[in-house]
Amino acid sequence: MKKDKMNPMRENLNVGFQLAPSEIGQFVKKGSIIFDMYDHATGERTYFEKDNVITLDAGIHAARLFKDNAEPNFGMFMLACGTGATGALLSPDAPDPRQRKLNNEIERKGFSATTFRDSLGNAVAYPTNIVDFTCTYGEAEAVGPLNEMGLLSPLSENPAQKTPNPNNFPTRDTTVDVTQYDVLLNYLTFGVITKPSTATLSISWRITF
């Protein structure tokens, strides 16, 4: 079993939409995830909690939503898993806010649940600034040596239709029209964990706005 410690989710930093563009790169914005995989064949469970990076493109996406609630079509709508984190297998390079797509996406899926939370982490029926996005991959889904994942606002609600932004980290061209591509809103790298075809994987991604 693998378990990494972090601060309680309710202590994570808020997203500062009030920052000027020149300050964005100086402010560390984070969300948090819970990764829970259970192998039905062996009974083994792999679990960890980890911070992630909110991308610079998430700021552009938020500005679009504030400007016109008819565009874009989706907010955070899918979770994607991949095998393309750079660096060492067990200690990959830290995620960078300039990331615009997964390096090697193998599967994406819509959320099974979205839940508002209060400041203590309790589920509530009224809107708050804290939202949990939960996605569950079945035994035959997302099989492989996983080491990266991210939240997406896709162009299509069909997970088989992928339109990743070709302009990716380490370069980031701010003149690229992101409305033509899937937008990566949050990104995470972690030491490689192989998901077998006998395991289910549940990922809960908590974002504080």
C-alpha atoms as a PDB file:
ATOM      1  CA  MET A   1       0.000   0.000   0.000  1.00  0.00           C
ATOM      2  CA  LYS A   2       1.209   3.498  -0.844  1.00  0.00           C
ATOM      3  CA  LYS A   3       0.068   6.546   1.129  1.00  0.00           C
ATOM      4  CA  ASP A   4       1.357  10.091   0.960  1.00  0.00           C
ATOM      5  CA  LYS A   5       0.457  12.586   3.680  1.00  0.00           C
ATOM      6  CA  MET A   6      -0.841  16.097   3.057  1.00  0.00           C
ATOM      7  CA  ASN A   7      -2.631  18.822   4.930  1.00  0.00           C
ATOM      8  CA  PRO A   8      -6.386  18.339   5.419  1.00  0.00           C
ATOM      9  CA  MET A   9      -8.266  19.228   2.243  1.00  0.00           C
ATOM     10  CA  ARG A  10     -10.106  22.114   3.884  1.00  0.00           C
ATOM     11  CA  GLU A  11      -6.781  23.895   4.456  1.00  0.00           C
ATOM     12  CA  ASN A  12      -5.893  24.177   0.787  1.00  0.00           C
ATOM     13  CA  LEU A  13      -5.279  27.549  -0.836  1.00  0.00           C
ATOM     14  CA  ASN A  14      -8.077  29.386  -2.567  1.00  0.00           C
ATOM     15  CA  VAL A  15      -7.891  30.368  -6.231  1.00  0.00           C
ATOM     16  CA  GLY A  16      -7.144  34.103  -6.458  1.00  0.00           C
ATOM     17  CA  PHE A  17      -9.132  35.396  -9.425  1.00  0.00           C
ATOM     18  CA  GLN A  18      -8.465  38.954  -8.223  1.00  0.00           C
ATOM     19  CA  LEU A  19      -4.792  38.766  -9.192  1.00  0.00           C
ATOM     20  CA  ALA A  20      -3.447  40.903 -11.998  1.00  0.00           C
ATOM     21  CA  PRO A  21      -1.986  38.971 -14.998  1.00  0.00           C
ATOM     22  CA  SER A  22       1.545  39.907 -13.939  1.00  0.00           C
ATOM     23  CA  GLU A  23       0.966  38.254 -10.552  1.00  0.00           C
ATOM     24  CA  ILE A  24      -0.465  34.947 -11.758  1.00  0.00           C
ATOM     25  CA  GLY A  25       2.892  33.267 -12.159  1.00  0.00           C
ATOM     26  CA  GLN A  26       3.911  34.292  -8.611  1.00  0.00           C
ATOM     27  CA  PHE A  27       0.903  32.756  -6.871  1.00  0.00           C
ATOM     28  CA  VAL A  28       0.778  29.023  -6.130  1.00  0.00           C
ATOM     29  CA  LYS A  29      -2.764  27.739  -6.711  1.00  0.00           C
ATOM     30  CA  LYS A  30      -3.632  24.194  -5.680  1.00  0.00           C
ATOM     31  CA  GLY A  31      -6.407  21.648  -5.502  1.00  0.00           C
ATOM     32  CA  SER A  32      -6.237  18.212  -3.898  1.00  0.00           C
ATOM     33  CA  ILE A  33      -7.074  14.650  -4.879  1.00  0.00           C
ATOM     34  CA  ILE A  34      -7.764  11.324  -3.227  1.00  0.00           C
ATOM     35  CA  PHE A  35      -6.604   8.328  -5.313  1.00  0.00           C
ATOM     36  CA  ASP A  36      -8.123   4.999  -4.204  1.00  0.00           C
ATOM     37  CA  MET A  37      -7.559   1.823  -6.247  1.00  0.00           C
ATOM     38  CA  TYR A  38      -8.772  -1.623  -5.195  1.00  0.00           C
ATOM     39  CA  ASP A  39      -7.627  -4.828  -6.909  1.00  0.00           C
ATOM     40  CA  HIS A  40     -10.489  -7.341  -6.719  1.00  0.00           C
ATOM     41  CA  ALA A  41      -8.183 -10.237  -7.615  1.00  0.00           C
ATOM     42  CA  THR A  42      -5.558  -9.705  -4.899  1.00  0.00           C
ATOM     43  CA  GLY A  43      -7.419  -7.588  -2.344  1.00  0.00           C
ATOM     44  CA  GLU A  44      -4.659  -4.945  -2.457  1.00  0.00           C
ATOM     45  CA  ARG A  45      -5.543  -1.279  -2.071  1.00  0.00           C
ATOM     46  CA  THR A  46      -3.428   1.649  -3.307  1.00  0.00           C
ATOM     47  CA  TYR A  47      -4.315   4.953  -1.724  1.00  0.00           C
ATOM     48  CA  PHE A  48      -2.800   8.404  -1.597  1.00  0.00           C
ATOM     49  CA  GLU A  49      -3.734  12.059  -1.161  1.00  0.00           C
ATOM     50  CA  LYS A  50      -1.838  14.714  -3.077  1.00  0.00           C
ATOM     51  CA  ASP A  51      -1.877  18.376  -4.118  1.00  0.00           C
ATOM     52  CA  ASN A  52      -2.193  19.286  -7.774  1.00  0.00           C
ATOM     53  CA  VAL A  53      -1.544  22.320  -9.954  1.00  0.00           C
ATOM     54  CA  ILE A  54      -4.302  24.582 -11.271  1.00  0.00           C
ATOM     55  CA  THR A  55      -3.156  25.519 -14.760  1.00  0.00           C
ATOM     56  CA  LEU A  56      -2.826  28.993 -16.232  1.00  0.00           C
ATOM     57  CA  ASP A  57      -5.430  28.012 -18.824  1.00  0.00           C
ATOM     58  CA  ALA A  58      -7.898  27.532 -15.951  1.00  0.00           C
ATOM     59  CA  GLY A  59      -7.717  31.308 -15.415  1.00  0.00           C
ATOM     60  CA  ILE A  60      -8.612  31.882 -19.065  1.00  0.00           C
ATOM     61  CA  HIS A  61     -11.463  29.380 -18.778  1.00  0.00           C
ATOM     62  CA  ALA A  62     -12.825  31.105 -15.667  1.00  0.00           C
ATOM     63  CA  ALA A  63     -12.692  34.465 -17.453  1.00  0.00           C
ATOM     64  CA  ARG A  64     -14.721  32.980 -20.324  1.00  0.00           C
ATOM     65  CA  LEU A  65     -17.344  31.650 -17.909  1.00  0.00           C
ATOM     66  CA  PHE A  66     -17.585  34.997 -16.116  1.00  0.00           C
ATOM     67  CA  LYS A  67     -17.851  36.880 -19.411  1.00  0.00           C
ATOM     68  CA  ASP A  68     -20.565  34.753 -21.011  1.00  0.00           C
ATOM     69  CA  ASN A  69     -22.323  31.818 -19.345  1.00  0.00           C
ATOM     70  CA  ALA A  70     -23.235  30.451 -22.796  1.00  0.00           C
ATOM     71  CA  GLU A  71     -19.558  29.941 -23.683  1.00  0.00           C
ATOM     72  CA  PRO A  72     -17.731  27.628 -23.163  1.00  0.00           C
ATOM     73  CA  ASN A  73     -20.074  24.621 -23.304  1.00  0.00           C
ATOM     74  CA  PHE A  74     -18.627  22.978 -20.195  1.00  0.00           C
ATOM     75  CA  GLY A  75     -16.936  23.804 -16.931  1.00  0.00           C
ATOM     76  CA  MET A  76     -14.934  20.934 -15.409  1.00  0.00           C
ATOM     77  CA  PHE A  77     -16.551  17.927 -17.042  1.00  0.00           C
ATOM     78  CA  MET A  78     -14.083  15.034 -17.325  1.00  0.00           C
ATOM     79  CA  LEU A  79     -11.074  13.445 -15.688  1.00  0.00           C
ATOM     80  CA  ALA A  80      -8.260  12.104 -17.875  1.00  0.00           C
ATOM     81  CA  CYS A  81      -5.560   9.589 -16.923  1.00  0.00           C
ATOM     82  CA  GLY A  82      -2.249   9.082 -18.683  1.00  0.00           C
ATOM     83  CA  THR A  83       1.183   7.490 -18.684  1.00  0.00           C
ATOM     84  CA  GLY A  84       3.323  10.393 -19.903  1.00  0.00           C
ATOM     85  CA  ALA A  85       4.717  12.189 -16.855  1.00  0.00           C
ATOM     86  CA  THR A  86       8.332  13.157 -17.464  1.00  0.00           C
ATOM     87  CA  GLY A  87      11.235  12.374 -15.140  1.00  0.00           C
ATOM     88  CA  ALA A  88      11.929   9.338 -12.949  1.00  0.00           C
ATOM     89  CA  LEU A  89       9.263   6.637 -12.763  1.00  0.00           C
ATOM     90  CA  LEU A  90       8.865   6.819  -8.995  1.00  0.00           C
ATOM     91  CA  SER A  91       9.576  10.551  -8.684  1.00  0.00           C
ATOM     92  CA  PRO A  92       8.404  12.332 -11.841  1.00  0.00           C
ATOM     93  CA  ASP A  93       8.862  16.015 -12.593  1.00  0.00           C
ATOM     94  CA  ALA A  94       6.543  18.277 -10.632  1.00  0.00           C
ATOM     95  CA  PRO A  95       3.459  19.473 -12.539  1.00  0.00           C
ATOM     96  CA  ASP A  96       3.751  22.900 -14.120  1.00  0.00           C
ATOM     97  CA  PRO A  97       0.884  25.418 -14.457  1.00  0.00           C
ATOM     98  CA  ARG A  98       1.843  25.936 -18.119  1.00  0.00           C
ATOM     99  CA  GLN A  99       0.725  22.364 -18.945  1.00  0.00           C
ATOM    100  CA  ARG A 100      -2.083  22.325 -21.555  1.00  0.00           C
ATOM    101  CA  LYS A 101      -2.719  18.590 -22.051  1.00  0.00           C
ATOM    102  CA  LEU A 102      -1.665  15.229 -20.705  1.00  0.00           C
ATOM    103  CA  ASN A 103       1.574  14.068 -22.284  1.00  0.00           C
ATOM    104  CA  ASN A 104       0.132  10.632 -23.060  1.00  0.00           C
ATOM    105  CA  GLU A 105      -3.569  10.418 -22.280  1.00  0.00           C
ATOM    106  CA  ILE A 106      -4.978   6.888 -22.328  1.00  0.00           C
ATOM    107  CA  GLU A 107      -8.536   7.429 -21.091  1.00  0.00           C
ATOM    108  CA  ARG A 108     -10.980  10.109 -20.021  1.00  0.00           C
ATOM    109  CA  LYS A 109     -14.349   9.847 -18.344  1.00  0.00           C
ATOM    110  CA  GLY A 110     -17.132  12.062 -17.032  1.00  0.00           C
ATOM    111  CA  PHE A 111     -17.694  12.486 -13.302  1.00  0.00           C
ATOM    112  CA  SER A 112     -19.903  10.067 -11.393  1.00  0.00           C
ATOM    113  CA  ALA A 113     -20.656  12.744  -8.790  1.00  0.00           C
ATOM    114  CA  THR A 114     -20.083  16.431  -8.031  1.00  0.00           C
ATOM    115  CA  THR A 115     -20.595  17.582  -4.470  1.00  0.00           C
ATOM    116  CA  PHE A 116     -20.557  20.946  -2.699  1.00  0.00           C
ATOM    117  CA  ARG A 117     -18.672  20.953   0.635  1.00  0.00           C
ATOM    118  CA  ASP A 118     -18.724  23.359   3.562  1.00  0.00           C
ATOM    119  CA  SER A 119     -15.552  24.677   5.219  1.00  0.00           C
ATOM    120  CA  LEU A 120     -15.377  21.542   7.406  1.00  0.00           C
ATOM    121  CA  GLY A 121     -15.584  19.198   4.439  1.00  0.00           C
ATOM    122  CA  ASN A 122     -19.186  18.145   4.976  1.00  0.00           C
ATOM    123  CA  ALA A 123     -21.402  17.511   1.929  1.00  0.00           C
ATOM    124  CA  VAL A 124     -24.118  20.167   1.660  1.00  0.00           C
ATOM    125  CA  ALA A 125     -27.146  20.730  -0.573  1.00  0.00           C
ATOM    126  CA  TYR A 126     -26.492  24.442  -1.161  1.00  0.00           C
ATOM    127  CA  PRO A 127     -23.750  26.080  -3.296  1.00  0.00           C
ATOM    128  CA  THR A 128     -20.365  26.812  -1.685  1.00  0.00           C
ATOM    129  CA  ASN A 129     -16.901  27.676  -2.988  1.00  0.00           C
ATOM    130  CA  ILE A 130     -15.670  24.089  -2.458  1.00  0.00           C
ATOM    131  CA  VAL A 131     -16.556  21.328  -4.927  1.00  0.00           C
ATOM    132  CA  ASP A 132     -15.619  17.647  -5.062  1.00  0.00           C
ATOM    133  CA  PHE A 133     -15.427  16.057  -8.525  1.00  0.00           C
ATOM    134  CA  THR A 134     -15.480  12.244  -8.348  1.00  0.00           C
ATOM    135  CA  CYS A 135     -14.683   9.852 -11.175  1.00  0.00           C
ATOM    136  CA  THR A 136     -14.661   6.045 -11.025  1.00  0.00           C
ATOM    137  CA  TYR A 137     -12.873   3.871 -13.565  1.00  0.00           C
ATOM    138  CA  GLY A 138     -14.055   0.271 -13.863  1.00  0.00           C
ATOM    139  CA  GLU A 139     -11.865  -2.801 -14.126  1.00  0.00           C
ATOM    140  CA  ALA A 140     -11.421  -2.571 -17.902  1.00  0.00           C
ATOM    141  CA  GLU A 141     -10.873   1.211 -17.915  1.00  0.00           C
ATOM    142  CA  ALA A 142      -7.636   3.237 -17.598  1.00  0.00           C
ATOM    143  CA  VAL A 143      -5.511   0.085 -17.500  1.00  0.00           C
ATOM    144  CA  GLY A 144      -1.777   0.762 -17.547  1.00  0.00           C
ATOM    145  CA  PRO A 145       1.189   2.361 -15.724  1.00  0.00           C
ATOM    146  CA  LEU A 146      -0.498   5.597 -14.643  1.00  0.00           C
ATOM    147  CA  ASN A 147       1.583   8.612 -13.595  1.00  0.00           C
ATOM    148  CA  GLU A 148      -0.398  11.691 -14.695  1.00  0.00           C
ATOM    149  CA  MET A 149      -3.988  12.902 -14.625  1.00  0.00           C
ATOM    150  CA  GLY A 150      -5.952  16.076 -15.047  1.00  0.00           C
ATOM    151  CA  LEU A 151      -9.372  17.737 -15.046  1.00  0.00           C
ATOM    152  CA  LEU A 152     -10.695  18.769 -18.439  1.00  0.00           C
ATOM    153  CA  SER A 153     -13.225  21.050 -20.001  1.00  0.00           C
ATOM    154  CA  PRO A 154     -13.593  19.210 -23.323  1.00  0.00           C
ATOM    155  CA  LEU A 155     -15.053  20.430 -26.592  1.00  0.00           C
ATOM    156  CA  SER A 156     -17.283  17.355 -26.718  1.00  0.00           C
ATOM    157  CA  GLU A 157     -19.177  15.420 -24.085  1.00  0.00           C
ATOM    158  CA  ASN A 158     -18.158  12.256 -25.965  1.00  0.00           C
ATOM    159  CA  PRO A 159     -15.011  10.924 -24.206  1.00  0.00           C
ATOM    160  CA  ALA A 160     -13.887   9.254 -27.430  1.00  0.00           C
ATOM    161  CA  GLN A 161     -13.597  12.649 -29.139  1.00  0.00           C
ATOM    162  CA  LYS A 162     -10.313  14.257 -28.072  1.00  0.00           C
ATOM    163  CA  THR A 163      -9.029  17.655 -29.185  1.00  0.00           C
ATOM    164  CA  PRO A 164      -5.884  18.348 -27.127  1.00  0.00           C
ATOM    165  CA  ASN A 165      -4.090  21.671 -27.407  1.00  0.00           C
ATOM    166  CA  PRO A 166      -0.967  21.049 -29.554  1.00  0.00           C
ATOM    167  CA  ASN A 167       0.854  23.961 -27.886  1.00  0.00           C
ATOM    168  CA  ASN A 168       2.059  22.392 -24.661  1.00  0.00           C
ATOM    169  CA  PHE A 169       4.601  22.948 -21.868  1.00  0.00           C
ATOM    170  CA  PRO A 170       7.459  23.896 -21.837  1.00  0.00           C
ATOM    171  CA  THR A 171       6.331  26.371 -24.502  1.00  0.00           C
ATOM    172  CA  ARG A 172       3.095  28.282 -23.983  1.00  0.00           C
ATOM    173  CA  ASP A 173       1.869  30.565 -26.729  1.00  0.00           C
ATOM    174  CA  THR A 174      -0.682  32.928 -25.172  1.00  0.00           C
ATOM    175  CA  THR A 175      -2.031  33.847 -28.623  1.00  0.00           C
ATOM    176  CA  VAL A 176      -3.353  30.312 -29.221  1.00  0.00           C
ATOM    177  CA  ASP A 177      -7.175  30.286 -29.357  1.00  0.00           C
ATOM    178  CA  VAL A 178      -8.066  27.851 -26.568  1.00  0.00           C
ATOM    179  CA  THR A 179     -11.713  27.767 -27.672  1.00  0.00           C
ATOM    180  CA  GLN A 180     -10.644  25.336 -30.415  1.00  0.00           C
ATOM    181  CA  TYR A 181      -9.303  22.714 -27.976  1.00  0.00           C
ATOM    182  CA  ASP A 182      -9.985  20.722 -24.837  1.00  0.00           C
ATOM    183  CA  VAL A 183      -8.834  22.839 -21.879  1.00  0.00           C
ATOM    184  CA  LEU A 184      -6.725  21.272 -19.137  1.00  0.00           C
ATOM    185  CA  LEU A 185      -7.749  22.942 -15.876  1.00  0.00           C
ATOM    186  CA  ASN A 186      -5.812  20.955 -13.273  1.00  0.00           C
ATOM    187  CA  TYR A 187      -2.777  18.692 -13.617  1.00  0.00           C
ATOM    188  CA  LEU A 188      -1.096  16.119 -11.396  1.00  0.00           C
ATOM    189  CA  THR A 189       1.955  13.860 -11.687  1.00  0.00           C
ATOM    190  CA  PHE A 190       2.805  10.983  -9.336  1.00  0.00           C
ATOM    191  CA  GLY A 191       5.069   7.963  -9.078  1.00  0.00           C
ATOM    192  CA  VAL A 192       3.937   5.303 -11.535  1.00  0.00           C
ATOM    193  CA  ILE A 193       1.077   3.097 -10.326  1.00  0.00           C
ATOM    194  CA  THR A 194       0.014   0.254 -12.583  1.00  0.00           C
ATOM    195  CA  LYS A 195      -3.738  -0.272 -12.762  1.00  0.00           C
ATOM    196  CA  PRO A 196      -4.513  -3.877 -13.693  1.00  0.00           C
ATOM    197  CA  SER A 197      -7.697  -5.009 -15.430  1.00  0.00           C
ATOM    198  CA  THR A 198      -8.883  -6.492 -12.132  1.00  0.00           C
ATOM    199  CA  ALA A 199      -8.932  -3.166 -10.254  1.00  0.00           C
ATOM    200  CA  THR A 200     -11.377  -0.312  -9.866  1.00  0.00           C
ATOM    201  CA  LEU A 201     -10.117   3.218  -9.350  1.00  0.00           C
ATOM    202  CA  SER A 202     -11.932   6.067  -7.634  1.00  0.00           C
ATOM    203  CA  ILE A 203     -10.546   9.597  -7.800  1.00  0.00           C
ATOM    204  CA  SER A 204     -12.021  12.504  -5.842  1.00  0.00           C
ATOM    205  CA  TRP A 205     -10.685  15.905  -6.861  1.00  0.00           C
ATOM    206  CA  ARG A 206     -11.434  18.803  -4.502  1.00  0.00           C
ATOM    207  CA  ILE A 207     -11.233  22.382  -5.774  1.00  0.00           C
ATOM    208  CA  THR A 208     -11.593  25.486  -3.600  1.00  0.00           C
ATOM    209  CA  PHE A 209     -12.501  28.679  -5.442  1.00  0.00           C
END
